[in-house]
N, C-alpha and C. Protein backbone atom coordinates (compact mmCIF):
# COMPACT_ATOMS: atom_id res chain seq x y z
N UNK A 1 98.00 137.62 111.35
CA UNK A 1 98.51 136.26 111.35
C UNK A 1 100.01 136.34 111.62
N UNK A 2 100.51 135.56 112.57
CA UNK A 2 101.94 135.57 112.89
C UNK A 2 102.69 134.59 112.01
N UNK A 3 104.01 134.68 112.04
CA UNK A 3 104.87 133.77 111.26
C UNK A 3 104.64 132.33 111.69
N UNK A 4 104.33 132.09 112.97
CA UNK A 4 104.12 130.73 113.45
C UNK A 4 102.85 130.10 112.91
N UNK A 5 101.95 130.92 112.35
CA UNK A 5 100.72 130.40 111.79
C UNK A 5 100.84 130.05 110.32
N UNK A 6 102.05 130.19 109.75
CA UNK A 6 102.24 129.88 108.34
C UNK A 6 103.25 128.76 108.20
N UNK A 7 103.21 128.07 107.05
CA UNK A 7 104.19 127.02 106.80
C UNK A 7 105.37 127.63 106.06
N UNK A 8 106.30 126.78 105.59
CA UNK A 8 107.54 127.26 104.98
C UNK A 8 107.33 128.09 103.72
N UNK A 9 106.24 127.88 102.98
CA UNK A 9 106.04 128.64 101.75
C UNK A 9 105.11 129.83 101.98
N UNK A 10 104.87 130.20 103.25
CA UNK A 10 104.06 131.37 103.55
C UNK A 10 102.58 131.12 103.55
N UNK A 11 102.13 129.92 103.25
CA UNK A 11 100.72 129.58 103.25
C UNK A 11 100.26 129.32 104.68
N UNK A 12 99.03 129.64 105.01
CA UNK A 12 98.52 129.34 106.35
C UNK A 12 98.60 127.84 106.62
N UNK A 13 98.96 127.51 107.87
CA UNK A 13 99.00 126.09 108.22
C UNK A 13 97.62 125.49 108.04
N UNK A 14 97.58 124.28 107.49
CA UNK A 14 96.32 123.60 107.26
C UNK A 14 95.61 124.04 105.99
N UNK A 15 96.15 125.03 105.27
CA UNK A 15 95.53 125.48 104.03
C UNK A 15 95.69 124.40 102.97
N UNK A 16 94.69 124.27 102.13
CA UNK A 16 94.73 123.30 101.05
C UNK A 16 95.68 123.76 99.97
N UNK A 17 96.44 122.85 99.40
CA UNK A 17 97.30 123.17 98.26
C UNK A 17 96.43 123.27 97.02
N UNK A 18 96.82 124.08 96.04
CA UNK A 18 96.05 124.15 94.79
C UNK A 18 95.91 122.76 94.18
N UNK A 19 94.84 122.55 93.42
CA UNK A 19 94.57 121.25 92.81
C UNK A 19 95.78 120.76 92.04
N UNK A 20 96.13 119.50 92.22
CA UNK A 20 97.24 118.90 91.49
C UNK A 20 98.59 119.09 92.17
N UNK A 21 98.66 119.90 93.21
CA UNK A 21 99.92 120.12 93.92
C UNK A 21 99.86 119.46 95.28
N UNK A 22 100.99 118.91 95.70
CA UNK A 22 101.08 118.36 97.05
C UNK A 22 101.45 119.47 98.01
N UNK A 23 100.97 119.41 99.24
CA UNK A 23 101.38 120.42 100.22
C UNK A 23 102.90 120.39 100.38
N UNK A 24 103.51 121.55 100.56
CA UNK A 24 104.96 121.66 100.64
C UNK A 24 105.54 120.90 101.83
N UNK A 25 104.82 120.81 102.92
CA UNK A 25 105.37 120.19 104.14
C UNK A 25 105.25 118.68 104.15
N UNK A 26 104.48 118.08 103.27
CA UNK A 26 104.29 116.63 103.29
C UNK A 26 105.59 115.85 103.15
N UNK A 27 106.48 116.18 102.20
CA UNK A 27 107.73 115.42 102.11
C UNK A 27 108.56 115.52 103.38
N UNK A 28 108.60 116.67 104.03
CA UNK A 28 109.36 116.82 105.26
C UNK A 28 108.79 115.93 106.35
N UNK A 29 107.48 115.83 106.43
CA UNK A 29 106.86 114.96 107.44
C UNK A 29 107.17 113.50 107.16
N UNK A 30 107.08 113.10 105.91
CA UNK A 30 107.39 111.71 105.55
C UNK A 30 108.85 111.41 105.86
N UNK A 31 109.73 112.35 105.58
CA UNK A 31 111.15 112.17 105.83
C UNK A 31 111.47 112.03 107.31
N UNK A 32 110.64 112.59 108.17
CA UNK A 32 110.88 112.50 109.60
C UNK A 32 110.81 111.06 110.10
N UNK A 33 110.11 110.20 109.40
CA UNK A 33 109.95 108.81 109.83
C UNK A 33 111.07 107.90 109.32
N UNK A 34 111.86 108.38 108.37
CA UNK A 34 112.87 107.52 107.75
C UNK A 34 113.96 107.06 108.71
N UNK A 35 114.20 107.78 109.78
CA UNK A 35 115.23 107.40 110.75
C UNK A 35 114.71 106.56 111.89
N UNK A 36 113.44 106.20 111.88
CA UNK A 36 112.85 105.42 112.97
C UNK A 36 113.12 103.93 112.74
N UNK A 37 113.73 103.26 113.72
CA UNK A 37 113.97 101.82 113.54
C UNK A 37 112.67 101.04 113.62
N UNK A 38 112.62 99.94 112.87
CA UNK A 38 111.43 99.10 112.85
C UNK A 38 111.88 97.65 112.88
N UNK A 39 111.17 96.82 113.59
CA UNK A 39 111.55 95.42 113.73
C UNK A 39 110.98 94.59 112.59
N UNK A 40 111.85 93.83 111.95
CA UNK A 40 111.45 92.92 110.88
C UNK A 40 111.65 91.51 111.41
N UNK A 41 110.63 90.68 111.29
CA UNK A 41 110.70 89.29 111.74
C UNK A 41 110.93 88.40 110.53
N UNK A 42 111.87 87.47 110.65
CA UNK A 42 112.16 86.53 109.57
C UNK A 42 111.59 85.18 109.97
N UNK A 43 110.71 84.66 109.15
CA UNK A 43 110.09 83.36 109.43
C UNK A 43 110.77 82.29 108.57
N UNK A 44 111.36 81.31 109.23
CA UNK A 44 112.07 80.24 108.51
C UNK A 44 111.23 78.97 108.39
N UNK A 45 110.14 78.91 109.12
CA UNK A 45 109.28 77.73 109.05
C UNK A 45 108.38 77.66 110.26
N UNK A 46 107.56 76.61 110.28
CA UNK A 46 106.62 76.41 111.38
C UNK A 46 106.75 74.98 111.88
N UNK A 47 106.38 74.80 113.13
CA UNK A 47 106.33 73.47 113.73
C UNK A 47 104.96 73.30 114.39
N UNK A 48 104.47 72.08 114.43
CA UNK A 48 103.18 71.80 115.07
C UNK A 48 103.33 70.62 116.04
N UNK A 49 104.09 70.84 117.10
CA UNK A 49 104.26 69.76 118.06
C UNK A 49 103.01 69.60 118.94
N UNK A 50 102.87 68.45 119.52
CA UNK A 50 101.83 68.22 120.51
C UNK A 50 102.25 68.93 121.80
N UNK A 51 101.28 69.28 122.61
CA UNK A 51 101.59 69.91 123.90
C UNK A 51 102.48 69.01 124.72
N UNK A 52 102.24 67.72 124.66
CA UNK A 52 103.07 66.77 125.43
C UNK A 52 104.53 66.82 124.98
N UNK A 53 104.75 67.07 123.68
CA UNK A 53 106.13 67.20 123.18
C UNK A 53 106.76 68.52 123.63
N UNK A 54 105.96 69.57 123.69
CA UNK A 54 106.48 70.86 124.12
C UNK A 54 106.94 70.84 125.58
N UNK A 55 106.16 70.23 126.45
CA UNK A 55 106.54 70.22 127.87
C UNK A 55 107.76 69.36 128.13
N UNK A 56 108.12 68.51 127.19
CA UNK A 56 109.30 67.67 127.35
C UNK A 56 110.55 68.27 126.70
N UNK A 57 110.43 69.44 126.07
CA UNK A 57 111.59 70.06 125.45
C UNK A 57 112.63 70.46 126.50
N UNK A 58 113.85 70.19 126.21
CA UNK A 58 114.98 70.51 127.08
C UNK A 58 116.08 71.12 126.22
N UNK A 59 117.12 71.56 126.88
CA UNK A 59 118.29 72.06 126.16
C UNK A 59 118.78 70.97 125.22
N UNK A 60 119.13 71.35 124.00
CA UNK A 60 119.61 70.48 122.93
C UNK A 60 118.50 69.66 122.27
N UNK A 61 117.23 69.86 122.67
CA UNK A 61 116.12 69.24 121.94
C UNK A 61 116.05 69.87 120.56
N UNK A 62 115.54 69.14 119.59
CA UNK A 62 115.39 69.65 118.22
C UNK A 62 113.90 69.68 117.89
N UNK A 63 113.44 70.83 117.48
CA UNK A 63 112.06 71.01 117.05
C UNK A 63 112.08 71.05 115.52
N UNK A 64 111.50 70.04 114.89
CA UNK A 64 111.54 69.91 113.43
C UNK A 64 110.56 70.89 112.79
N UNK A 65 111.06 71.64 111.81
CA UNK A 65 110.23 72.60 111.09
C UNK A 65 109.68 71.98 109.81
N UNK A 66 108.70 72.66 109.22
CA UNK A 66 108.07 72.18 107.98
C UNK A 66 108.81 72.65 106.74
N UNK A 67 110.03 73.12 106.90
CA UNK A 67 110.79 73.64 105.75
C UNK A 67 112.20 73.09 105.76
N UNK A 68 112.85 73.21 104.60
CA UNK A 68 114.24 72.77 104.50
C UNK A 68 115.14 74.00 104.44
N UNK A 69 116.43 73.79 104.54
CA UNK A 69 117.40 74.87 104.57
C UNK A 69 117.38 75.71 103.28
N UNK A 70 116.96 75.14 102.18
CA UNK A 70 116.95 75.84 100.90
C UNK A 70 115.63 76.55 100.60
N UNK A 71 114.62 76.37 101.43
CA UNK A 71 113.33 77.02 101.20
C UNK A 71 113.44 78.52 101.45
N UNK A 72 112.65 79.33 100.75
CA UNK A 72 112.66 80.77 101.00
C UNK A 72 112.17 81.08 102.42
N UNK A 73 112.68 82.18 102.98
CA UNK A 73 112.19 82.68 104.26
C UNK A 73 111.28 83.86 103.98
N UNK A 74 110.43 84.19 104.92
CA UNK A 74 109.50 85.31 104.75
C UNK A 74 109.82 86.39 105.76
N UNK A 75 109.75 87.65 105.30
CA UNK A 75 110.02 88.81 106.14
C UNK A 75 108.70 89.50 106.46
N UNK A 76 108.47 89.76 107.74
CA UNK A 76 107.23 90.37 108.20
C UNK A 76 107.52 91.63 109.01
N UNK A 77 106.65 92.61 108.88
CA UNK A 77 106.56 93.71 109.82
C UNK A 77 105.19 93.54 110.45
N UNK A 78 105.18 93.24 111.74
CA UNK A 78 103.93 92.86 112.39
C UNK A 78 103.44 91.58 111.75
N UNK A 79 102.20 91.56 111.30
CA UNK A 79 101.68 90.36 110.63
C UNK A 79 101.63 90.55 109.11
N UNK A 80 102.29 91.59 108.60
CA UNK A 80 102.27 91.91 107.17
C UNK A 80 103.51 91.37 106.47
N UNK A 81 103.31 90.49 105.49
CA UNK A 81 104.39 89.95 104.68
C UNK A 81 104.93 91.06 103.78
N UNK A 82 106.24 91.36 103.89
CA UNK A 82 106.81 92.44 103.09
C UNK A 82 107.81 91.95 102.05
N UNK A 83 108.36 90.74 102.24
CA UNK A 83 109.36 90.24 101.28
C UNK A 83 109.62 88.76 101.53
N UNK A 84 110.31 88.14 100.56
CA UNK A 84 110.81 86.78 100.69
C UNK A 84 112.28 86.79 100.31
N UNK A 85 113.01 85.81 100.80
CA UNK A 85 114.43 85.78 100.47
C UNK A 85 115.08 84.47 100.85
N UNK A 86 116.40 84.45 100.73
CA UNK A 86 117.19 83.25 101.03
C UNK A 86 118.14 83.56 102.17
N UNK A 87 118.25 82.64 103.12
CA UNK A 87 119.20 82.81 104.21
C UNK A 87 120.61 82.68 103.68
N UNK A 88 121.48 83.54 104.19
CA UNK A 88 122.90 83.47 103.82
C UNK A 88 123.73 83.79 105.05
N UNK A 89 124.87 83.14 105.14
CA UNK A 89 125.80 83.47 106.21
C UNK A 89 126.58 84.71 105.76
N UNK A 90 126.69 85.69 106.65
CA UNK A 90 127.44 86.90 106.35
C UNK A 90 128.91 86.51 106.24
N UNK A 91 129.60 87.01 105.22
CA UNK A 91 130.96 86.58 104.92
C UNK A 91 132.05 87.24 105.75
N UNK A 92 131.75 87.66 106.98
CA UNK A 92 132.77 88.33 107.79
C UNK A 92 133.28 87.46 108.94
N UNK A 93 133.08 86.15 108.85
CA UNK A 93 133.51 85.19 109.87
C UNK A 93 132.88 85.42 111.23
N UNK A 94 131.76 86.14 111.28
CA UNK A 94 131.08 86.37 112.54
C UNK A 94 130.07 85.28 112.86
N UNK A 95 129.73 84.47 111.84
CA UNK A 95 128.72 83.43 112.03
C UNK A 95 127.30 83.97 111.96
N UNK A 96 127.15 85.26 111.69
CA UNK A 96 125.81 85.85 111.62
C UNK A 96 125.14 85.51 110.30
N UNK A 97 123.80 85.57 110.32
CA UNK A 97 123.00 85.30 109.13
C UNK A 97 122.44 86.59 108.56
N UNK A 98 122.16 86.56 107.28
CA UNK A 98 121.48 87.65 106.59
C UNK A 98 120.47 87.05 105.64
N UNK A 99 119.70 87.89 104.98
CA UNK A 99 118.70 87.44 104.02
C UNK A 99 118.92 88.17 102.71
N UNK A 100 119.13 87.41 101.63
CA UNK A 100 119.19 88.00 100.28
C UNK A 100 117.76 88.01 99.75
N UNK A 101 117.24 89.20 99.48
CA UNK A 101 115.84 89.34 99.06
C UNK A 101 115.65 88.85 97.63
N UNK A 102 114.60 88.07 97.43
CA UNK A 102 114.26 87.57 96.10
C UNK A 102 112.93 88.14 95.61
N UNK A 103 112.07 88.57 96.54
CA UNK A 103 110.79 89.19 96.21
C UNK A 103 110.53 90.28 97.24
N UNK A 104 110.01 91.43 96.78
CA UNK A 104 109.66 92.52 97.68
C UNK A 104 108.25 92.98 97.34
N UNK A 105 107.42 93.19 98.35
CA UNK A 105 106.05 93.64 98.12
C UNK A 105 106.07 95.04 97.52
N UNK A 106 105.07 95.37 96.72
CA UNK A 106 104.92 96.68 96.10
C UNK A 106 104.04 97.55 96.99
N UNK A 107 104.65 98.55 97.61
CA UNK A 107 103.91 99.46 98.49
C UNK A 107 103.68 100.82 97.84
N UNK A 108 103.93 100.95 96.55
CA UNK A 108 103.87 102.25 95.89
C UNK A 108 102.49 102.89 95.97
N UNK A 109 101.45 102.13 96.07
CA UNK A 109 100.09 102.69 96.14
C UNK A 109 99.63 102.94 97.56
N UNK A 110 100.47 102.62 98.55
CA UNK A 110 100.05 102.71 99.94
C UNK A 110 100.68 103.87 100.69
N UNK A 111 101.59 104.59 100.10
CA UNK A 111 102.28 105.66 100.82
C UNK A 111 101.66 107.00 100.45
């Protein structure tokens, strides 16, 4: 068996860890994903216009949402709700928005 056929602790690659122990390489693999960017979508509300209203939309038209400025927003990754929060203007005079989280989903059993 060559060195390339073993993992960092000298065990053969793919070998089962003893009962109750996690494989040594698992944390390194999980850590490899921590630097990958992921897109989070912030949902501030929904609108249900008629098709006839949509085709008449022009610049400066206003599409009324089903929520108010003080309602919580929802954060999604794909179609999965991951958190809720409040919109806030970032205090650096850039005019950008941020979200202060008020609820975060518990993923501890899913990793």
